[in-house]
Amino acid sequence: MVFNCPKCGRNVPDESVYCPYCGHGIGPSAKTSLVSAGGTLMFVAATASLIIFILAVRALMQIYTWYPPGVASGWIVYDQGLTVFSFIGFVFGLSGGILSLARRSYRLTMASAVICTLAGAGNFIISMIIPYAQFVYSLLYYFLPVFTSSLIATVLFYPREAEFKSKPA
């Protein structure tokens, strides 16, 4: 049996999960493993953000014992930025992961994923402007685990609105 796609209006075979022409999900049962993979990536970003948060808080508490006051006052700005961005990344990465795996709300999932991605970008930028920053360490510790994983998750979620319930329960 053939029916029309609700988005583009073309004929779609009955057994299709997604429209072969526009990619629109045919129904709420259109579930793929890509949303689950995106949710897992959001948990990776949340875990990496939590680790960075813990290390940044530890650095804030001990910065004046590590450096002379004049040097510490300059470095504290960077640590505060890392603390804020990593906390935001943790909160929104965790909520994005939970919402995506439960397939609760597409809008909240996308908002959480985008905010987590932006927080990861903030962490990466701060890690690059810290004096004596090394690109390899910034890439390995900030860019890949936090920014890249949440960005990939966001890209995986974006075309799959049909897999989510329309309103949060």
Protein backbone atom coordinates (compact mmCIF):
# COMPACT_ATOMS: atom_id res chain seq x y z
CA MET A 1 0.00 0.00 0.00
CA VAL A 2 1.21 3.50 -0.80
CA PHE A 3 0.30 6.76 0.98
CA ASN A 4 1.38 10.40 0.87
CA CYS A 5 4.11 11.95 3.03
CA PRO A 6 2.58 14.58 5.34
CA LYS A 7 5.48 16.97 4.62
CA CYS A 8 6.23 16.78 0.88
CA GLY A 9 3.07 15.03 -0.37
CA ARG A 10 4.88 12.39 -2.44
CA ASN A 11 3.85 8.74 -2.50
CA VAL A 12 5.64 6.69 0.14
CA PRO A 13 5.52 2.88 0.56
CA ASP A 14 3.56 1.74 3.62
CA GLU A 15 6.54 0.06 5.33
CA SER A 16 8.68 3.24 5.19
CA VAL A 17 9.81 4.72 8.47
CA TYR A 18 11.03 7.92 6.80
CA CYS A 19 10.06 9.55 3.54
CA PRO A 20 12.69 8.59 0.95
CA TYR A 21 12.39 12.05 -0.65
CA CYS A 22 12.45 14.57 2.20
CA GLY A 23 13.51 12.42 5.19
CA HIS A 24 10.43 13.30 7.26
CA GLY A 25 9.45 10.70 9.88
CA ILE A 26 6.23 9.04 8.87
CA GLY A 27 4.92 8.49 12.39
CA PRO A 28 5.78 8.51 16.08
CA SER A 29 6.95 4.91 15.76
CA ALA A 30 9.75 6.04 13.43
CA LYS A 31 12.61 5.29 15.81
CA THR A 32 16.21 4.84 14.81
CA SER A 33 19.35 4.05 16.69
CA LEU A 34 20.73 7.46 15.68
CA VAL A 35 18.77 9.28 18.39
CA SER A 36 20.04 6.76 20.94
CA ALA A 37 23.59 7.27 19.69
CA GLY A 38 23.08 11.03 19.99
CA GLY A 39 21.83 10.58 23.56
CA THR A 40 24.91 8.55 24.39
CA LEU A 41 27.12 11.26 22.91
CA MET A 42 25.32 13.82 25.08
CA PHE A 43 26.21 11.72 28.14
CA VAL A 44 29.84 11.66 26.95
CA ALA A 45 29.78 15.47 26.70
CA ALA A 46 28.13 15.73 30.14
CA THR A 47 30.73 13.43 31.72
CA ALA A 48 33.62 15.33 30.14
CA SER A 49 32.08 18.62 31.28
CA LEU A 50 31.70 17.28 34.81
CA ILE A 51 35.36 16.28 34.91
CA ILE A 52 36.42 19.71 33.63
CA PHE A 53 34.10 21.36 36.17
CA ILE A 54 35.61 19.43 39.08
CA LEU A 55 39.15 20.23 37.94
CA ALA A 56 38.30 23.91 37.39
CA VAL A 57 36.74 24.23 40.86
CA ARG A 58 39.79 22.55 42.37
CA ALA A 59 42.03 24.98 40.51
CA LEU A 60 39.97 27.95 41.70
CA MET A 61 40.30 26.84 45.30
CA GLN A 62 44.06 26.33 45.08
CA ILE A 63 45.17 28.94 42.55
CA TYR A 64 46.62 31.33 45.12
CA THR A 65 48.74 28.54 46.60
CA TRP A 66 50.12 27.65 43.16
CA TYR A 67 51.01 31.14 41.92
CA PRO A 68 52.01 34.51 43.35
CA PRO A 69 48.99 36.83 43.84
CA GLY A 70 49.68 38.89 40.70
CA VAL A 71 49.86 35.81 38.46
CA ALA A 72 46.95 34.09 40.19
CA SER A 73 44.67 37.07 39.66
CA GLY A 74 45.27 36.81 35.92
CA TRP A 75 44.73 33.06 35.75
CA ILE A 76 41.59 33.09 37.89
CA VAL A 77 39.58 34.64 35.05
CA TYR A 78 40.32 31.64 32.82
CA ASP A 79 39.44 29.16 35.54
CA GLN A 80 36.18 30.96 36.25
CA GLY A 81 35.27 30.79 32.56
CA LEU A 82 36.08 27.08 32.41
CA THR A 83 34.02 26.51 35.55
CA VAL A 84 30.96 28.30 34.19
CA PHE A 85 31.08 26.75 30.71
CA SER A 86 31.74 23.25 32.03
CA PHE A 87 28.87 23.49 34.52
CA ILE A 88 26.51 24.64 31.75
CA GLY A 89 27.80 21.83 29.52
CA PHE A 90 27.22 19.27 32.26
CA VAL A 91 23.67 20.38 33.07
CA PHE A 92 22.52 20.66 29.46
CA GLY A 93 24.44 17.59 28.29
CA LEU A 94 22.81 15.51 31.00
CA SER A 95 19.33 16.87 30.28
CA GLY A 96 19.83 16.43 26.52
CA GLY A 97 20.93 12.84 27.02
CA ILE A 98 18.00 12.00 29.27
CA LEU A 99 15.43 13.71 27.04
CA SER A 100 16.76 12.11 23.87
CA LEU A 101 16.89 8.57 25.23
CA ALA A 102 13.37 8.98 26.64
CA ARG A 103 12.36 10.73 23.39
CA ARG A 104 10.36 13.22 25.43
CA SER A 105 10.48 16.65 23.82
CA TYR A 106 12.19 17.44 20.55
CA ARG A 107 12.45 21.17 21.27
CA LEU A 108 13.92 20.73 24.75
CA THR A 109 16.32 18.07 23.47
CA MET A 110 17.50 20.32 20.64
CA ALA A 111 17.81 23.33 22.97
CA SER A 112 19.85 21.29 25.47
CA ALA A 113 22.07 19.89 22.73
CA VAL A 114 22.72 23.32 21.21
CA ILE A 115 23.48 24.91 24.60
CA CYS A 116 25.81 22.03 25.51
CA THR A 117 27.57 22.46 22.14
CA LEU A 118 27.97 26.20 22.71
CA ALA A 119 29.34 25.55 26.22
CA GLY A 120 31.84 23.10 24.72
CA ALA A 121 32.87 25.75 22.19
CA GLY A 122 33.31 28.22 25.07
CA ASN A 123 35.54 25.76 26.92
CA PHE A 124 37.62 25.19 23.80
CA ILE A 125 38.02 28.91 23.12
CA ILE A 126 39.06 29.61 26.72
CA SER A 127 41.51 26.71 26.61
CA MET A 128 43.07 28.24 23.49
CA ILE A 129 43.50 31.76 24.93
CA ILE A 130 45.01 30.65 28.24
CA PRO A 131 48.67 31.71 28.32
CA TYR A 132 50.98 28.89 27.29
CA ALA A 133 48.06 27.00 25.75
CA GLN A 134 48.96 24.02 23.62
CA PHE A 135 46.69 23.18 20.73
CA VAL A 136 47.01 19.41 21.14
CA TYR A 137 45.87 19.50 24.76
CA SER A 138 42.98 21.85 23.96
CA LEU A 139 41.94 19.56 21.14
CA LEU A 140 42.09 16.38 23.23
CA TYR A 141 40.65 17.69 26.49
CA TYR A 142 38.05 20.23 25.38
CA PHE A 143 37.28 20.13 21.66
CA LEU A 144 36.82 16.39 21.08
CA PRO A 145 35.00 15.22 24.23
CA VAL A 146 32.77 18.21 24.88
CA PHE A 147 32.28 20.19 21.68
CA THR A 148 32.51 17.48 19.02
CA SER A 149 30.40 14.88 20.83
CA SER A 150 27.58 17.34 21.54
CA LEU A 151 27.77 18.78 18.00
CA ILE A 152 27.45 15.32 16.46
CA ALA A 153 24.52 14.58 18.77
CA THR A 154 22.83 17.82 17.72
CA VAL A 155 23.25 16.90 14.06
CA LEU A 156 21.82 13.43 14.74
CA PHE A 157 18.76 14.86 16.53
CA TYR A 158 17.92 17.61 14.08
CA PRO A 159 16.16 15.69 11.27
CA ARG A 160 14.39 13.24 13.58
CA GLU A 161 11.61 15.29 15.15
CA ALA A 162 9.07 12.55 14.42
CA GLU A 163 10.80 10.21 16.88
CA PHE A 164 9.99 12.45 19.84
CA LYS A 165 6.70 12.91 21.64
CA SER A 166 5.32 16.34 20.92
CA LYS A 167 5.03 17.49 24.53
CA PRO A 168 7.10 16.62 27.60
CA ALA A 169 5.32 14.27 29.95
